[in-house]
Protein backbone atom coordinates (compact mmCIF):
# COMPACT_ATOMS: atom_id res chain seq x y z
CA UNK A 1 18.02 0.30 -64.90
CA UNK A 2 21.63 0.59 -63.67
CA UNK A 3 23.30 -2.47 -62.10
CA UNK A 4 24.29 -1.88 -58.55
CA UNK A 5 27.96 -1.69 -57.91
CA UNK A 6 30.07 -1.97 -54.68
CA UNK A 7 33.67 -0.72 -54.87
CA UNK A 8 33.47 -0.64 -58.77
CA UNK A 9 32.45 -4.29 -59.00
CA UNK A 10 28.88 -5.90 -59.57
CA UNK A 11 27.09 -6.17 -56.41
CA UNK A 12 26.55 -10.05 -56.53
CA UNK A 13 30.36 -10.43 -57.00
CA UNK A 14 31.24 -8.15 -54.15
CA UNK A 15 28.59 -9.68 -51.80
CA UNK A 16 29.70 -13.26 -52.73
CA UNK A 17 33.32 -12.33 -52.03
CA UNK A 18 32.09 -10.83 -48.68
CA UNK A 19 30.58 -14.01 -47.50
CA UNK A 20 33.72 -16.08 -48.47
CA UNK A 21 36.36 -13.85 -47.22
CA UNK A 22 34.58 -11.47 -44.43
CA UNK A 23 37.37 -8.91 -43.75
CA UNK A 24 36.49 -8.01 -47.58
CA UNK A 25 32.95 -7.15 -46.41
CA UNK A 26 34.50 -4.64 -43.41
CA UNK A 27 36.49 -3.15 -46.24
CA UNK A 28 33.53 -2.66 -48.52
CA UNK A 29 31.33 -1.28 -45.51
CA UNK A 30 34.23 1.21 -44.88
CA UNK A 31 35.03 2.33 -48.53
CA UNK A 32 31.51 2.46 -50.15
CA UNK A 33 29.59 5.15 -48.50
CA UNK A 34 27.03 5.22 -51.00
CA UNK A 35 25.64 1.73 -50.45
CA UNK A 36 22.04 1.31 -49.78
CA UNK A 37 20.50 -0.27 -46.76
CA UNK A 38 19.98 -3.71 -48.38
CA UNK A 39 23.64 -3.97 -49.34
CA UNK A 40 24.81 -2.73 -45.67
CA UNK A 41 22.66 -5.48 -44.17
CA UNK A 42 24.39 -8.20 -46.48
CA UNK A 43 27.73 -6.85 -45.67
CA UNK A 44 27.19 -6.70 -41.85
CA UNK A 45 25.57 -10.37 -41.99
CA UNK A 46 28.64 -11.35 -43.90
CA UNK A 47 30.76 -10.15 -41.26
CA UNK A 48 28.70 -11.70 -38.40
CA UNK A 49 28.78 -15.01 -40.03
CA UNK A 50 32.52 -14.89 -40.85
CA UNK A 51 33.46 -13.54 -37.34
CA UNK A 52 31.14 -16.42 -35.75
CA UNK A 53 32.80 -19.06 -38.05
CA UNK A 54 36.23 -17.91 -37.08
CA UNK A 55 35.76 -17.69 -33.43
CA UNK A 56 33.89 -21.07 -33.34
CA UNK A 57 36.01 -22.84 -35.98
CA UNK A 58 37.62 -24.94 -33.09
CA UNK A 59 34.40 -26.96 -32.84
CA UNK A 60 32.10 -28.42 -35.33
CA UNK A 61 29.62 -25.69 -35.39
CA UNK A 62 32.10 -23.12 -36.77
CA UNK A 63 32.48 -25.40 -39.86
CA UNK A 64 28.86 -25.59 -40.27
CA UNK A 65 28.56 -21.86 -40.23
CA UNK A 66 31.33 -21.51 -42.62
CA UNK A 67 29.69 -24.10 -45.03
CA UNK A 68 26.45 -22.00 -44.61
CA UNK A 69 28.26 -18.91 -45.66
CA UNK A 70 29.76 -20.43 -48.63
CA UNK A 71 26.20 -21.40 -49.79
CA UNK A 72 25.01 -18.15 -49.34
CA UNK A 73 28.07 -16.79 -51.24
CA UNK A 74 27.33 -19.11 -54.21
CA UNK A 75 23.70 -17.82 -54.20
CA UNK A 76 24.97 -14.20 -54.10
CA UNK A 77 27.39 -14.85 -57.13
CA UNK A 78 24.26 -16.40 -59.00
CA UNK A 79 22.52 -13.11 -58.23
CA UNK A 80 19.91 -14.62 -55.86
CA UNK A 81 18.21 -12.39 -53.14
CA UNK A 82 19.00 -14.61 -50.28
CA UNK A 83 18.99 -13.34 -46.63
CA UNK A 84 20.88 -15.46 -44.09
CA UNK A 85 18.79 -16.68 -41.18
CA UNK A 86 19.79 -14.83 -37.86
CA UNK A 87 22.65 -13.00 -39.22
CA UNK A 88 20.40 -10.80 -41.42
CA UNK A 89 18.13 -9.93 -38.63
CA UNK A 90 21.02 -9.21 -36.20
CA UNK A 91 22.61 -7.06 -39.00
CA UNK A 92 19.54 -5.02 -38.98
CA UNK A 93 20.27 -3.79 -35.65
CA UNK A 94 23.58 -2.26 -36.63
CA UNK A 95 22.49 -0.67 -39.93
CA UNK A 96 20.29 2.45 -39.97
């Protein structure tokens, strides 16, 4: 079985980076036209969490969301199949 790749790098690395640096998820989503639905859901969820953390960063909840995104990033780097609560469901509305 062939390892999934996003922009030439292993999927777990690309997804982990996407949760840490959410603009990278935008680049991956725009560049990688061959991504499957599951990968697109993860990328959109990373954008949603990152944008929410950025917008809400002036209050405590933004920090909590960012810490949550970092935990998800670590899990993705480890190759775990974790789906972020709420963000993943919301991402499903944007991805075919």
